[in-house]
Amino acid sequence: MKKLLKLKEWLTVSDAAKHLSILFGEEVVEADVLRLALDGHLTLSVLFVNGASARCGQITMDTRLVIDSILNSSLHPGLVNLDGDNALMLDEKIVSLDGVWDLTITRS
């Protein structure tokens, strides 16, 4: 797999688990790969072959906005509470996604 890995531009979650199993010398399963991504150790990306539509946004640590969104979601319809301390401020504009995009993974 080592030689094949050098030829690949990307790995599936399953392939990543196999590769990490070899590197760590112990079994790594797909759930472990997803947990590593959730913990910020890996970046997961998605290839939109047929395109997709989305609202992009930025993570904010403005506690006032987060509290307002928890108490009254109608005040900030483009604000998604992530964890009580951070929120995702979504743009109103809908964009077209095509190609490879890195995923932002957060705990809810």
PDB file of N, CA and C in Angstrom:
ATOM      1  N   MET A   1       0.826  -1.196   0.000  1.00  0.00           N
ATOM      2  CA  MET A   1       0.000   0.000   0.000  1.00  0.00           C
ATOM      3  C   MET A   1       0.865   1.252   0.000  1.00  0.00           C
ATOM      4  N   LYS A   2       2.091   1.144   0.505  1.00  0.00           N
ATOM      5  CA  LYS A   2       2.959   2.309   0.611  1.00  0.00           C
ATOM      6  C   LYS A   2       3.230   2.939  -0.759  1.00  0.00           C
ATOM      7  N   LYS A   3       3.540   2.111  -1.772  1.00  0.00           N
ATOM      8  CA  LYS A   3       3.801   2.635  -3.112  1.00  0.00           C
ATOM      9  C   LYS A   3       2.528   3.195  -3.733  1.00  0.00           C
ATOM     10  N   LEU A   4       1.419   2.497  -3.521  1.00  0.00           N
ATOM     11  CA  LEU A   4       0.142   2.950  -4.060  1.00  0.00           C
ATOM     12  C   LEU A   4      -0.266   4.277  -3.435  1.00  0.00           C
ATOM     13  N   LEU A   5       0.015   4.435  -2.146  1.00  0.00           N
ATOM     14  CA  LEU A   5      -0.339   5.667  -1.445  1.00  0.00           C
ATOM     15  C   LEU A   5       0.321   6.885  -2.076  1.00  0.00           C
ATOM     16  N   LYS A   6       1.552   6.727  -2.549  1.00  0.00           N
ATOM     17  CA  LYS A   6       2.270   7.848  -3.167  1.00  0.00           C
ATOM     18  C   LYS A   6       1.609   8.298  -4.469  1.00  0.00           C
ATOM     19  N   LEU A   7       0.888   7.410  -5.125  1.00  0.00           N
ATOM     20  CA  LEU A   7       0.226   7.741  -6.387  1.00  0.00           C
ATOM     21  C   LEU A   7      -1.145   8.374  -6.198  1.00  0.00           C
ATOM     22  N   LYS A   8      -1.716   8.233  -5.017  1.00  0.00           N
ATOM     23  CA  LYS A   8      -3.067   8.737  -4.771  1.00  0.00           C
ATOM     24  C   LYS A   8      -3.030  10.196  -4.327  1.00  0.00           C
ATOM     25  N   GLU A   9      -3.982  10.972  -4.824  1.00  0.00           N
ATOM     26  CA  GLU A   9      -4.112  12.358  -4.382  1.00  0.00           C
ATOM     27  C   GLU A   9      -4.929  12.440  -3.102  1.00  0.00           C
ATOM     28  N   TRP A  10      -5.781  11.439  -2.873  1.00  0.00           N
ATOM     29  CA  TRP A  10      -6.631  11.438  -1.690  1.00  0.00           C
ATOM     30  C   TRP A  10      -6.940  10.004  -1.293  1.00  0.00           C
ATOM     31  N   LEU A  11      -7.439   9.840  -0.074  1.00  0.00           N
ATOM     32  CA  LEU A  11      -7.801   8.529   0.451  1.00  0.00           C
ATOM     33  C   LEU A  11      -9.253   8.544   0.897  1.00  0.00           C
ATOM     34  N   THR A  12      -9.924   7.425   0.738  1.00  0.00           N
ATOM     35  CA  THR A  12     -11.249   7.285   1.338  1.00  0.00           C
ATOM     36  C   THR A  12     -11.052   7.129   2.842  1.00  0.00           C
ATOM     37  N   VAL A  13     -12.129   7.253   3.598  1.00  0.00           N
ATOM     38  CA  VAL A  13     -12.036   7.063   5.048  1.00  0.00           C
ATOM     39  C   VAL A  13     -11.550   5.646   5.347  1.00  0.00           C
ATOM     40  N   SER A  14     -12.029   4.684   4.579  1.00  0.00           N
ATOM     41  CA  SER A  14     -11.601   3.291   4.759  1.00  0.00           C
ATOM     42  C   SER A  14     -10.100   3.131   4.476  1.00  0.00           C
ATOM     43  N   ASP A  15      -9.622   3.712   3.370  1.00  0.00           N
ATOM     44  CA  ASP A  15      -8.190   3.645   3.046  1.00  0.00           C
ATOM     45  C   ASP A  15      -7.345   4.350   4.104  1.00  0.00           C
ATOM     46  N   ALA A  16      -7.846   5.470   4.609  1.00  0.00           N
ATOM     47  CA  ALA A  16      -7.124   6.200   5.654  1.00  0.00           C
ATOM     48  C   ALA A  16      -6.997   5.342   6.908  1.00  0.00           C
ATOM     49  N   ALA A  17      -8.062   4.609   7.243  1.00  0.00           N
ATOM     50  CA  ALA A  17      -8.017   3.729   8.419  1.00  0.00           C
ATOM     51  C   ALA A  17      -6.974   2.642   8.220  1.00  0.00           C
ATOM     52  N   LYS A  18      -6.919   2.055   7.023  1.00  0.00           N
ATOM     53  CA  LYS A  18      -5.921   1.012   6.743  1.00  0.00           C
ATOM     54  C   LYS A  18      -4.501   1.576   6.843  1.00  0.00           C
ATOM     55  N   HIS A  19      -4.302   2.749   6.258  1.00  0.00           N
ATOM     56  CA  HIS A  19      -2.980   3.370   6.279  1.00  0.00           C
ATOM     57  C   HIS A  19      -2.547   3.697   7.713  1.00  0.00           C
ATOM     58  N   LEU A  20      -3.452   4.258   8.493  1.00  0.00           N
ATOM     59  CA  LEU A  20      -3.119   4.596   9.875  1.00  0.00           C
ATOM     60  C   LEU A  20      -2.864   3.336  10.712  1.00  0.00           C
ATOM     61  N   SER A  21      -3.568   2.250  10.385  1.00  0.00           N
ATOM     62  CA  SER A  21      -3.319   0.981  11.075  1.00  0.00           C
ATOM     63  C   SER A  21      -1.883   0.530  10.864  1.00  0.00           C
ATOM     64  N   ILE A  22      -1.402   0.684   9.632  1.00  0.00           N
ATOM     65  CA  ILE A  22      -0.022   0.308   9.322  1.00  0.00           C
ATOM     66  C   ILE A  22       0.957   1.230  10.059  1.00  0.00           C
ATOM     67  N   LEU A  23       0.684   2.539  10.021  1.00  0.00           N
ATOM     68  CA  LEU A  23       1.588   3.502  10.680  1.00  0.00           C
ATOM     69  C   LEU A  23       1.648   3.306  12.188  1.00  0.00           C
ATOM     70  N   PHE A  24       0.477   3.076  12.813  1.00  0.00           N
ATOM     71  CA  PHE A  24       0.419   2.971  14.270  1.00  0.00           C
ATOM     72  C   PHE A  24       0.710   1.569  14.782  1.00  0.00           C
ATOM     73  N   GLY A  25       0.673   0.581  13.884  1.00  0.00           N
ATOM     74  CA  GLY A  25       0.904  -0.789  14.308  1.00  0.00           C
ATOM     75  C   GLY A  25      -0.233  -1.359  15.137  1.00  0.00           C
ATOM     76  N   GLU A  26      -1.403  -0.781  15.024  1.00  0.00           N
ATOM     77  CA  GLU A  26      -2.588  -1.284  15.717  1.00  0.00           C
ATOM     78  C   GLU A  26      -3.811  -0.978  14.859  1.00  0.00           C
ATOM     79  N   GLU A  27      -4.898  -1.681  15.123  1.00  0.00           N
ATOM     80  CA  GLU A  27      -6.080  -1.517  14.285  1.00  0.00           C
ATOM     81  C   GLU A  27      -6.698  -0.131  14.446  1.00  0.00           C
ATOM     82  N   VAL A  28      -6.941   0.521  13.319  1.00  0.00           N
ATOM     83  CA  VAL A  28      -7.646   1.791  13.277  1.00  0.00           C
ATOM     84  C   VAL A  28      -8.865   1.564  12.389  1.00  0.00           C
ATOM     85  N   VAL A  29     -10.047   1.905  12.900  1.00  0.00           N
ATOM     86  CA  VAL A  29     -11.279   1.720  12.128  1.00  0.00           C
ATOM     87  C   VAL A  29     -11.781   3.075  11.639  1.00  0.00           C
ATOM     88  N   GLU A  30     -12.759   3.040  10.752  1.00  0.00           N
ATOM     89  CA  GLU A  30     -13.283   4.278  10.155  1.00  0.00           C
ATOM     90  C   GLU A  30     -13.759   5.265  11.217  1.00  0.00           C
ATOM     91  N   ALA A  31     -14.374   4.750  12.272  1.00  0.00           N
ATOM     92  CA  ALA A  31     -14.841   5.635  13.355  1.00  0.00           C
ATOM     93  C   ALA A  31     -13.672   6.373  14.004  1.00  0.00           C
ATOM     94  N   ASP A  32     -12.520   5.720  14.089  1.00  0.00           N
ATOM     95  CA  ASP A  32     -11.328   6.371  14.647  1.00  0.00           C
ATOM     96  C   ASP A  32     -10.874   7.520  13.751  1.00  0.00           C
ATOM     97  N   VAL A  33     -10.938   7.305  12.435  1.00  0.00           N
ATOM     98  CA  VAL A  33     -10.559   8.358  11.484  1.00  0.00           C
ATOM     99  C   VAL A  33     -11.484   9.560  11.650  1.00  0.00           C
ATOM    100  N   LEU A  34     -12.775   9.290  11.759  1.00  0.00           N
ATOM    101  CA  LEU A  34     -13.739  10.389  11.936  1.00  0.00           C
ATOM    102  C   LEU A  34     -13.515  11.101  13.259  1.00  0.00           C
ATOM    103  N   ARG A  35     -13.175  10.370  14.303  1.00  0.00           N
ATOM    104  CA  ARG A  35     -12.892  10.983  15.605  1.00  0.00           C
ATOM    105  C   ARG A  35     -11.634  11.843  15.527  1.00  0.00           C
ATOM    106  N   LEU A  36     -10.605  11.364  14.818  1.00  0.00           N
ATOM    107  CA  LEU A  36      -9.387  12.161  14.640  1.00  0.00           C
ATOM    108  C   LEU A  36      -9.695  13.467  13.912  1.00  0.00           C
ATOM    109  N   ALA A  37     -10.595  13.414  12.948  1.00  0.00           N
ATOM    110  CA  ALA A  37     -10.998  14.633  12.235  1.00  0.00           C
ATOM    111  C   ALA A  37     -11.775  15.559  13.165  1.00  0.00           C
ATOM    112  N   LEU A  38     -12.681  15.001  13.949  1.00  0.00           N
ATOM    113  CA  LEU A  38     -13.466  15.796  14.891  1.00  0.00           C
ATOM    114  C   LEU A  38     -12.573  16.474  15.921  1.00  0.00           C
ATOM    115  N   ASP A  39     -11.520  15.779  16.321  1.00  0.00           N
ATOM    116  CA  ASP A  39     -10.580  16.337  17.304  1.00  0.00           C
ATOM    117  C   ASP A  39      -9.560  17.281  16.675  1.00  0.00           C
ATOM    118  N   GLY A  40      -9.626  17.476  15.346  1.00  0.00           N
ATOM    119  CA  GLY A  40      -8.752  18.434  14.678  1.00  0.00           C
ATOM    120  C   GLY A  40      -7.413  17.887  14.228  1.00  0.00           C
ATOM    121  N   HIS A  41      -7.226  16.568  14.268  1.00  0.00           N
ATOM    122  CA  HIS A  41      -5.952  15.975  13.871  1.00  0.00           C
ATOM    123  C   HIS A  41      -5.876  15.685  12.374  1.00  0.00           C
ATOM    124  N   LEU A  42      -7.022  15.581  11.717  1.00  0.00           N
ATOM    125  CA  LEU A  42      -7.090  15.301  10.282  1.00  0.00           C
ATOM    126  C   LEU A  42      -8.074  16.250   9.624  1.00  0.00           C
ATOM    127  N   THR A  43      -7.873  16.503   8.340  1.00  0.00           N
ATOM    128  CA  THR A  43      -8.831  17.280   7.561  1.00  0.00           C
ATOM    129  C   THR A  43      -9.578  16.338   6.633  1.00  0.00           C
ATOM    130  N   LEU A  44     -10.902  16.389   6.716  1.00  0.00           N
ATOM    131  CA  LEU A  44     -11.720  15.620   5.788  1.00  0.00           C
ATOM    132  C   LEU A  44     -12.188  16.543   4.677  1.00  0.00           C
ATOM    133  N   SER A  45     -12.206  16.031   3.474  1.00  0.00           N
ATOM    134  CA  SER A  45     -12.660  16.804   2.317  1.00  0.00           C
ATOM    135  C   SER A  45     -13.725  16.011   1.590  1.00  0.00           C
ATOM    136  N   VAL A  46     -14.530  16.722   0.832  1.00  0.00           N
ATOM    137  CA  VAL A  46     -15.579  16.070   0.047  1.00  0.00           C
ATOM    138  C   VAL A  46     -15.460  16.560  -1.396  1.00  0.00           C
ATOM    139  N   LEU A  47     -15.677  15.648  -2.342  1.00  0.00           N
ATOM    140  CA  LEU A  47     -15.654  15.988  -3.761  1.00  0.00           C
ATOM    141  C   LEU A  47     -17.097  16.074  -4.236  1.00  0.00           C
ATOM    142  N   PHE A  48     -17.529  17.252  -4.631  1.00  0.00           N
ATOM    143  CA  PHE A  48     -18.867  17.444  -5.177  1.00  0.00           C
ATOM    144  C   PHE A  48     -18.796  17.205  -6.678  1.00  0.00           C
ATOM    145  N   VAL A  49     -19.062  15.974  -7.083  1.00  0.00           N
ATOM    146  CA  VAL A  49     -18.976  15.582  -8.487  1.00  0.00           C
ATOM    147  C   VAL A  49     -20.053  16.282  -9.304  1.00  0.00           C
ATOM    148  N   ASN A  50     -21.271  16.331  -8.771  1.00  0.00           N
ATOM    149  CA  ASN A  50     -22.401  16.934  -9.480  1.00  0.00           C
ATOM    150  C   ASN A  50     -22.730  18.331  -8.977  1.00  0.00           C
ATOM    151  N   GLY A  51     -21.872  18.884  -8.143  1.00  0.00           N
ATOM    152  CA  GLY A  51     -22.110  20.211  -7.601  1.00  0.00           C
ATOM    153  C   GLY A  51     -23.118  20.182  -6.462  1.00  0.00           C
ATOM    154  N   ALA A  52     -23.210  21.282  -5.761  1.00  0.00           N
ATOM    155  CA  ALA A  52     -24.145  21.422  -4.653  1.00  0.00           C
ATOM    156  C   ALA A  52     -24.316  22.909  -4.370  1.00  0.00           C
ATOM    157  N   SER A  53     -25.385  23.246  -3.684  1.00  0.00           N
ATOM    158  CA  SER A  53     -25.625  24.620  -3.266  1.00  0.00           C
ATOM    159  C   SER A  53     -25.466  24.706  -1.764  1.00  0.00           C
ATOM    160  N   ALA A  54     -24.941  25.834  -1.288  1.00  0.00           N
ATOM    161  CA  ALA A  54     -24.715  25.975   0.151  1.00  0.00           C
ATOM    162  C   ALA A  54     -24.642  27.443   0.525  1.00  0.00           C
ATOM    163  N   ARG A  55     -24.811  27.679   1.811  1.00  0.00           N
ATOM    164  CA  ARG A  55     -24.546  28.996   2.385  1.00  0.00           C
ATOM    165  C   ARG A  55     -23.248  28.870   3.163  1.00  0.00           C
ATOM    166  N   CYS A  56     -22.270  29.655   2.796  1.00  0.00           N
ATOM    167  CA  CYS A  56     -20.990  29.645   3.502  1.00  0.00           C
ATOM    168  C   CYS A  56     -21.092  30.527   4.733  1.00  0.00           C
ATOM    169  N   GLY A  57     -20.135  30.425   5.608  1.00  0.00           N
ATOM    170  CA  GLY A  57     -20.155  31.244   6.807  1.00  0.00           C
ATOM    171  C   GLY A  57     -18.834  31.203   7.529  1.00  0.00           C
ATOM    172  N   GLN A  58     -18.794  31.921   8.631  1.00  0.00           N
ATOM    173  CA  GLN A  58     -17.590  31.973   9.451  1.00  0.00           C
ATOM    174  C   GLN A  58     -17.959  31.686  10.896  1.00  0.00           C
ATOM    175  N   ILE A  59     -17.020  31.056  11.609  1.00  0.00           N
ATOM    176  CA  ILE A  59     -17.235  30.787  13.032  1.00  0.00           C
ATOM    177  C   ILE A  59     -16.919  32.056  13.805  1.00  0.00           C
ATOM    178  N   THR A  60     -17.807  32.423  14.720  1.00  0.00           N
ATOM    179  CA  THR A  60     -17.612  33.607  15.546  1.00  0.00           C
ATOM    180  C   THR A  60     -17.598  33.200  17.010  1.00  0.00           C
ATOM    181  N   MET A  61     -16.842  33.937  17.809  1.00  0.00           N
ATOM    182  CA  MET A  61     -16.822  33.691  19.249  1.00  0.00           C
ATOM    183  C   MET A  61     -17.472  34.859  19.978  1.00  0.00           C
ATOM    184  N   ASP A  62     -18.391  35.570  19.289  1.00  0.00           N
ATOM    185  CA  ASP A  62     -19.109  36.681  19.895  1.00  0.00           C
ATOM    186  C   ASP A  62     -20.170  36.108  20.834  1.00  0.00           C
ATOM    187  N   THR A  63     -19.872  36.074  22.122  1.00  0.00           N
ATOM    188  CA  THR A  63     -20.742  35.437  23.108  1.00  0.00           C
ATOM    189  C   THR A  63     -22.130  36.055  23.109  1.00  0.00           C
ATOM    190  N   ARG A  64     -22.236  37.353  22.900  1.00  0.00           N
ATOM    191  CA  ARG A  64     -23.540  38.023  22.885  1.00  0.00           C
ATOM    192  C   ARG A  64     -24.433  37.447  21.796  1.00  0.00           C
ATOM    193  N   LEU A  65     -23.858  37.276  20.592  1.00  0.00           N
ATOM    194  CA  LEU A  65     -24.633  36.713  19.490  1.00  0.00           C
ATOM    195  C   LEU A  65     -25.041  35.276  19.764  1.00  0.00           C
ATOM    196  N   VAL A  66     -24.143  34.528  20.367  1.00  0.00           N
ATOM    197  CA  VAL A  66     -24.448  33.123  20.674  1.00  0.00           C
ATOM    198  C   VAL A  66     -25.584  33.048  21.688  1.00  0.00           C
ATOM    199  N   ILE A  67     -25.508  33.847  22.747  1.00  0.00           N
ATOM    200  CA  ILE A  67     -26.563  33.847  23.769  1.00  0.00           C
ATOM    201  C   ILE A  67     -27.884  34.288  23.156  1.00  0.00           C
ATOM    202  N   ASP A  68     -27.857  35.348  22.326  1.00  0.00           N
ATOM    203  CA  ASP A  68     -29.075  35.795  21.658  1.00  0.00           C
ATOM    204  C   ASP A  68     -29.674  34.693  20.796  1.00  0.00           C
ATOM    205  N   SER A  69     -28.828  33.951  20.103  1.00  0.00           N
ATOM    206  CA  SER A  69     -29.342  32.903  19.225  1.00  0.00           C
ATOM    207  C   SER A  69     -29.946  31.756  20.018  1.00  0.00           C
ATOM    208  N   ILE A  70     -29.418  31.499  21.213  1.00  0.00           N
ATOM    209  CA  ILE A  70     -29.971  30.449  22.062  1.00  0.00           C
ATOM    210  C   ILE A  70     -31.324  30.892  22.615  1.00  0.00           C
ATOM    211  N   LEU A  71     -31.414  32.148  23.061  1.00  0.00           N
ATOM    212  CA  LEU A  71     -32.645  32.643  23.674  1.00  0.00           C
ATOM    213  C   LEU A  71     -33.744  32.935  22.654  1.00  0.00           C
ATOM    214  N   ASN A  72     -33.351  33.460  21.491  1.00  0.00           N
ATOM    215  CA  ASN A  72     -34.354  33.859  20.510  1.00  0.00           C
ATOM    216  C   ASN A  72     -33.767  33.699  19.121  1.00  0.00           C
ATOM    217  N   SER A  73     -33.967  32.551  18.525  1.00  0.00           N
ATOM    218  CA  SER A  73     -33.343  32.253  17.232  1.00  0.00           C
ATOM    219  C   SER A  73     -33.835  33.172  16.121  1.00  0.00           C
ATOM    220  N   SER A  74     -34.994  33.806  16.289  1.00  0.00           N
ATOM    221  CA  SER A  74     -35.490  34.694  15.233  1.00  0.00           C
ATOM    222  C   SER A  74     -34.671  35.976  15.130  1.00  0.00           C
ATOM    223  N   LEU A  75     -33.889  36.314  16.160  1.00  0.00           N
ATOM    224  CA  LEU A  75     -33.059  37.518  16.100  1.00  0.00           C
ATOM    225  C   LEU A  75     -31.940  37.359  15.076  1.00  0.00           C
ATOM    226  N   HIS A  76     -31.419  36.162  14.955  1.00  0.00           N
ATOM    227  CA  HIS A  76     -30.299  35.905  14.069  1.00  0.00           C
ATOM    228  C   HIS A  76     -30.551  34.620  13.276  1.00  0.00           C
ATOM    229  N   PRO A  77     -31.389  34.695  12.244  1.00  0.00           N
ATOM    230  CA  PRO A  77     -31.728  33.467  11.506  1.00  0.00           C
ATOM    231  C   PRO A  77     -30.534  32.835  10.801  1.00  0.00           C
ATOM    232  N   GLY A  78     -29.476  33.581  10.556  1.00  0.00           N
ATOM    233  CA  GLY A  78     -28.299  33.033   9.887  1.00  0.00           C
ATOM    234  C   GLY A  78     -27.227  32.590  10.854  1.00  0.00           C
ATOM    235  N   LEU A  79     -27.575  32.473  12.125  1.00  0.00           N
ATOM    236  CA  LEU A  79     -26.605  32.112  13.159  1.00  0.00           C
ATOM    237  C   LEU A  79     -26.930  30.723  13.686  1.00  0.00           C
ATOM    238  N   VAL A  80     -25.952  29.836  13.634  1.00  0.00           N
ATOM    239  CA  VAL A  80     -26.137  28.470  14.112  1.00  0.00           C
ATOM    240  C   VAL A  80     -25.265  28.287  15.348  1.00  0.00           C
ATOM    241  N   ASN A  81     -25.892  27.986  16.476  1.00  0.00           N
ATOM    242  CA  ASN A  81     -25.164  27.762  17.718  1.00  0.00           C
ATOM    243  C   ASN A  81     -24.369  26.468  17.594  1.00  0.00           C
ATOM    244  N   LEU A  82     -23.065  26.529  17.822  1.00  0.00           N
ATOM    245  CA  LEU A  82     -22.229  25.339  17.714  1.00  0.00           C
ATOM    246  C   LEU A  82     -22.038  24.643  19.047  1.00  0.00           C
ATOM    247  N   ASP A  83     -21.681  25.403  20.084  1.00  0.00           N
ATOM    248  CA  ASP A  83     -21.394  24.753  21.363  1.00  0.00           C
ATOM    249  C   ASP A  83     -21.647  25.653  22.565  1.00  0.00           C
ATOM    250  N   GLY A  84     -22.369  26.723  22.404  1.00  0.00           N
ATOM    251  CA  GLY A  84     -22.622  27.644  23.512  1.00  0.00           C
ATOM    252  C   GLY A  84     -21.607  28.761  23.590  1.00  0.00           C
ATOM    253  N   ASP A  85     -20.411  28.564  23.075  1.00  0.00           N
ATOM    254  CA  ASP A  85     -19.376  29.593  23.058  1.00  0.00           C
ATOM    255  C   ASP A  85     -19.093  30.087  21.649  1.00  0.00           C
ATOM    256  N   ASN A  86     -19.363  29.263  20.660  1.00  0.00           N
ATOM    257  CA  ASN A  86     -19.090  29.601  19.269  1.00  0.00           C
ATOM    258  C   ASN A  86     -20.353  29.448  18.444  1.00  0.00           C
ATOM    259  N   ALA A  87     -20.417  30.215  17.379  1.00  0.00           N
ATOM    260  CA  ALA A  87     -21.556  30.124  16.474  1.00  0.00           C
ATOM    261  C   ALA A  87     -21.057  30.237  15.044  1.00  0.00           C
ATOM    262  N   LEU A  88     -21.840  29.723  14.127  1.00  0.00           N
ATOM    263  CA  LEU A  88     -21.546  29.824  12.704  1.00  0.00           C
ATOM    264  C   LEU A  88     -22.445  30.898  12.127  1.00  0.00           C
ATOM    265  N   MET A  89     -21.841  31.976  11.609  1.00  0.00           N
ATOM    266  CA  MET A  89     -22.602  33.060  10.987  1.00  0.00           C
ATOM    267  C   MET A  89     -22.659  32.789   9.493  1.00  0.00           C
ATOM    268  N   LEU A  90     -23.851  32.399   9.019  1.00  0.00           N
ATOM    269  CA  LEU A  90     -24.031  32.044   7.621  1.00  0.00           C
ATOM    270  C   LEU A  90     -24.307  33.283   6.780  1.00  0.00           C
ATOM    271  N   ASP A  91     -23.696  33.334   5.590  1.00  0.00           N
ATOM    272  CA  ASP A  91     -23.977  34.394   4.643  1.00  0.00           C
ATOM    273  C   ASP A  91     -25.374  34.181   4.066  1.00  0.00           C
ATOM    274  N   GLU A  92     -26.021  35.257   3.630  1.00  0.00           N
ATOM    275  CA  GLU A  92     -27.332  35.113   3.007  1.00  0.00           C
ATOM    276  C   GLU A  92     -27.220  34.547   1.598  1.00  0.00           C
ATOM    277  N   LYS A  93     -26.131  34.846   0.932  1.00  0.00           N
ATOM    278  CA  LYS A  93     -25.937  34.427  -0.449  1.00  0.00           C
ATOM    279  C   LYS A  93     -25.734  32.916  -0.542  1.00  0.00           C
ATOM    280  N   ILE A  94     -26.417  32.295  -1.480  1.00  0.00           N
ATOM    281  CA  ILE A  94     -26.240  30.870  -1.748  1.00  0.00           C
ATOM    282  C   ILE A  94     -25.210  30.732  -2.856  1.00  0.00           C
ATOM    283  N   VAL A  95     -24.207  29.892  -2.615  1.00  0.00           N
ATOM    284  CA  VAL A  95     -23.134  29.700  -3.585  1.00  0.00           C
ATOM    285  C   VAL A  95     -23.192  28.291  -4.149  1.00  0.00           C
ATOM    286  N   SER A  96     -22.581  28.122  -5.289  1.00  0.00           N
ATOM    287  CA  SER A  96     -22.514  26.820  -5.929  1.00  0.00           C
ATOM    288  C   SER A  96     -21.171  26.174  -5.595  1.00  0.00           C
ATOM    289  N   LEU A  97     -21.220  24.962  -5.069  1.00  0.00           N
ATOM    290  CA  LEU A  97     -20.008  24.238  -4.716  1.00  0.00           C
ATOM    291  C   LEU A  97     -19.689  23.251  -5.823  1.00  0.00           C
ATOM    292  N   ASP A  98     -18.431  23.205  -6.199  1.00  0.00           N
ATOM    293  CA  ASP A  98     -17.984  22.274  -7.224  1.00  0.00           C
ATOM    294  C   ASP A  98     -16.548  21.900  -6.906  1.00  0.00           C
ATOM    295  N   GLY A  99     -16.193  20.666  -7.115  1.00  0.00           N
ATOM    296  CA  GLY A  99     -14.832  20.232  -6.838  1.00  0.00           C
ATOM    297  C   GLY A  99     -14.655  19.789  -5.404  1.00  0.00           C
ATOM    298  N   VAL A 100     -13.435  19.919  -4.883  1.00  0.00           N
ATOM    299  CA  VAL A 100     -13.087  19.433  -3.542  1.00  0.00           C
ATOM    300  C   VAL A 100     -13.171  20.575  -2.531  1.00  0.00           C
ATOM    301  N   TRP A 101     -13.854  20.310  -1.433  1.00  0.00           N
ATOM    302  CA  TRP A 101     -14.000  21.282  -0.341  1.00  0.00           C
ATOM    303  C   TRP A 101     -13.615  20.605   0.971  1.00  0.00           C
ATOM    304  N   ASP A 102     -12.847  21.310   1.794  1.00  0.00           N
ATOM    305  CA  ASP A 102     -12.536  20.817   3.133  1.00  0.00           C
ATOM    306  C   ASP A 102     -13.759  21.008   4.019  1.00  0.00           C
ATOM    307  N   LEU A 103     -14.007  20.045   4.890  1.00  0.00           N
ATOM    308  CA  LEU A 103     -15.153  20.108   5.794  1.00  0.00           C
ATOM    309  C   LEU A 103     -14.751  20.717   7.121  1.00  0.00           C
ATOM    310  N   THR A 104     -15.627  21.531   7.675  1.00  0.00           N
ATOM    311  CA  THR A 104     -15.472  22.014   9.029  1.00  0.00           C
ATOM    312  C   THR A 104     -16.298  21.088   9.903  1.00  0.00           C
ATOM    313  N   ILE A 105     -15.653  20.435  10.834  1.00  0.00           N
ATOM    314  CA  ILE A 105     -16.337  19.456  11.664  1.00  0.00           C
ATOM    315  C   ILE A 105     -16.379  19.986  13.078  1.00  0.00           C
ATOM    316  N   THR A 106     -17.600  20.048  13.631  1.00  0.00           N
ATOM    317  CA  THR A 106     -17.770  20.550  14.988  1.00  0.00           C
ATOM    318  C   THR A 106     -18.614  19.574  15.775  1.00  0.00           C
ATOM    319  N   ARG A 107     -18.498  19.666  17.067  1.00  0.00           N
ATOM    320  CA  ARG A 107     -19.360  18.875  17.955  1.00  0.00           C
ATOM    321  C   ARG A 107     -20.632  19.663  18.197  1.00  0.00           C
ATOM    322  N   SER A 108     -21.724  18.954  18.329  1.00  0.00           N
ATOM    323  CA  SER A 108     -22.986  19.650  18.630  1.00  0.00           C
ATOM    324  C   SER A 108     -23.419  19.347  20.041  1.00  0.00           C
TER     325      SER A 108
END
